[in-house]
C-alpha atoms as a PDB file:
ATOM      1  CA  GLU A   1      -9.165-135.793  26.497  1.00  0.00           C
ATOM      2  CA  LEU A   2      -7.458-131.667  25.248  1.00  0.00           C
ATOM      3  CA  SER A   3      -3.544-132.740  25.210  1.00  0.00           C
ATOM      4  CA  TYR A   4      -1.417-130.893  23.011  1.00  0.00           C
ATOM      5  CA  THR A   5      -4.620-129.580  21.557  1.00  0.00           C
ATOM      6  CA  ASN A   6      -4.431-125.450  19.502  1.00  0.00           C
ATOM      7  CA  ILE A   7      -7.190-124.606  22.228  1.00  0.00           C
ATOM      8  CA  THR A   8      -7.453-121.334  23.380  1.00  0.00           C
ATOM      9  CA  SER A   9     -10.426-120.840  25.913  1.00  0.00           C
ATOM     10  CA  LEU A  10     -12.821-122.691  28.351  1.00  0.00           C
ATOM     11  CA  PRO A  11     -17.053-121.839  29.045  1.00  0.00           C
ATOM     12  CA  PRO A  12     -16.778-120.253  32.141  1.00  0.00           C
ATOM     13  CA  GLY A  13     -18.617-122.699  34.435  1.00  0.00           C
ATOM     14  CA  LEU A  14     -17.284-125.014  32.692  1.00  0.00           C
ATOM     15  CA  LYS A  15     -18.215-128.889  34.440  1.00  0.00           C
ATOM     16  CA  VAL A  16     -16.803-132.266  34.312  1.00  0.00           C
ATOM     17  CA  ASN A  17     -17.695-135.174  35.431  1.00  0.00           C
ATOM     18  CA  GLY A  18     -13.968-137.161  35.299  1.00  0.00           C
ATOM     19  CA  ASN A  19     -10.571-136.355  34.023  1.00  0.00           C
ATOM     20  CA  LEU A  20      -9.614-133.466  32.166  1.00  0.00           C
ATOM     21  CA  PHE A  21      -6.280-133.310  31.153  1.00  0.00           C
ATOM     22  CA  LEU A  22      -4.352-130.140  29.024  1.00  0.00           C
ATOM     23  CA  VAL A  23      -0.454-131.686  29.081  1.00  0.00           C
ATOM     24  CA  GLY A  24       1.121-129.491  26.884  1.00  0.00           C
ATOM     25  CA  ALA A  25      -2.060-127.131  25.466  1.00  0.00           C
ATOM     26  CA  GLU A  26       0.677-124.677  24.818  1.00  0.00           C
ATOM     27  CA  THR A  27      -2.376-121.979  23.421  1.00  0.00           C
ATOM     28  CA  ILE A  28      -4.436-121.657  26.569  1.00  0.00           C
ATOM     29  CA  THR A  29      -3.208-119.226  29.083  1.00  0.00           C
ATOM     30  CA  SER A  30      -6.411-119.176  31.023  1.00  0.00           C
ATOM     31  CA  LEU A  31      -9.294-121.969  32.992  1.00  0.00           C
ATOM     32  CA  PRO A  32     -12.603-120.438  33.317  1.00  0.00           C
ATOM     33  CA  SER A  33     -13.825-119.485  36.933  1.00  0.00           C
ATOM     34  CA  GLY A  34     -16.706-121.875  37.659  1.00  0.00           C
ATOM     35  CA  LEU A  35     -14.093-124.819  36.643  1.00  0.00           C
ATOM     36  CA  TYR A  36     -15.579-127.809  38.269  1.00  0.00           C
ATOM     37  CA  VAL A  37     -13.588-131.044  37.419  1.00  0.00           C
ATOM     38  CA  GLY A  38     -15.049-134.403  38.940  1.00  0.00           C
ATOM     39  CA  ASN A  39     -11.550-136.540  39.076  1.00  0.00           C
ATOM     40  CA  ASN A  40      -8.045-135.320  37.978  1.00  0.00           C
ATOM     41  CA  LEU A  41      -6.990-132.366  36.804  1.00  0.00           C
ATOM     42  CA  ASP A  42      -3.581-132.513  34.531  1.00  0.00           C
ATOM     43  CA  LEU A  43      -2.227-129.246  33.551  1.00  0.00           C
ATOM     44  CA  CYS A  44       1.472-130.398  33.400  1.00  0.00           C
ATOM     45  CA  GLY A  45       2.816-128.069  30.385  1.00  0.00           C
ATOM     46  CA  ALA A  46       0.733-125.374  30.277  1.00  0.00           C
ATOM     47  CA  LYS A  47       3.241-123.221  30.896  1.00  0.00           C
ATOM     48  CA  MET A  48       0.375-120.296  29.307  1.00  0.00           C
ATOM     49  CA  ILE A  49      -1.104-120.670  32.662  1.00  0.00           C
ATOM     50  CA  THR A  50       0.212-119.084  35.598  1.00  0.00           C
ATOM     51  CA  SER A  51      -2.529-118.599  38.002  1.00  0.00           C
ATOM     52  CA  LEU A  52      -5.614-120.778  39.211  1.00  0.00           C
ATOM     53  CA  PRO A  53      -9.437-119.921  39.131  1.00  0.00           C
ATOM     54  CA  SER A  54     -10.934-118.488  42.169  1.00  0.00           C
ATOM     55  CA  GLY A  55     -13.661-121.399  42.587  1.00  0.00           C
ATOM     56  CA  LEU A  56     -11.271-124.102  41.176  1.00  0.00           C
ATOM     57  CA  HIS A  57     -12.665-127.719  42.618  1.00  0.00           C
ATOM     58  CA  VAL A  58     -11.020-130.461  41.687  1.00  0.00           C
ATOM     59  CA  GLY A  59     -11.957-134.273  42.806  1.00  0.00           C
ATOM     60  CA  GLY A  60      -9.081-135.932  42.136  1.00  0.00           C
ATOM     61  CA  ASP A  61      -5.617-135.150  41.908  1.00  0.00           C
ATOM     62  CA  LEU A  62      -4.203-131.777  40.178  1.00  0.00           C
ATOM     63  CA  GLU A  63      -1.127-131.995  38.472  1.00  0.00           C
ATOM     64  CA  LEU A  64       0.718-128.800  37.807  1.00  0.00           C
ATOM     65  CA  ALA A  65       4.777-130.337  37.064  1.00  0.00           C
ATOM     66  CA  ASP A  66       6.544-127.655  34.593  1.00  0.00           C
ATOM     67  CA  THR A  67       3.744-124.507  34.614  1.00  0.00           C
ATOM     68  CA  LYS A  68       4.168-120.861  35.154  1.00  0.00           C
ATOM     69  CA  ILE A  69       2.116-121.498  38.478  1.00  0.00           C
ATOM     70  CA  THR A  70       3.056-119.974  41.531  1.00  0.00           C
ATOM     71  CA  SER A  71       0.681-119.534  44.123  1.00  0.00           C
ATOM     72  CA  LEU A  72      -3.136-121.606  45.061  1.00  0.00           C
ATOM     73  CA  PRO A  73      -6.435-119.674  45.760  1.00  0.00           C
ATOM     74  CA  SER A  74      -7.655-119.759  49.265  1.00  0.00           C
ATOM     75  CA  ASN A  75     -10.593-121.043  48.558  1.00  0.00           C
ATOM     76  CA  LEU A  76      -8.958-124.277  46.035  1.00  0.00           C
ATOM     77  CA  LYS A  77     -10.571-127.295  46.956  1.00  0.00           C
ATOM     78  CA  VAL A  78      -8.344-130.488  46.268  1.00  0.00           C
ATOM     79  CA  GLY A  79      -9.558-133.992  46.757  1.00  0.00           C
ATOM     80  CA  GLY A  80     -12.528-135.408  47.889  1.00  0.00           C
END
């Protein structure tokens, strides 16, 4: 749970077996390459993130409401 924090970055190749919540995290500008989230990834209101990394894997739901993301990478994997 990193919602509404001042976190600025996540390490490359991060693997989260459960959920990753970055709701309203306005200081993080990008997600790392090779990010794996086993369940849900919630970026709602993370307005500084403008794109998703290549190779992103989300095992559950991907929430992007109120972000500036306008396209998805071709190799994005969402859902089981």
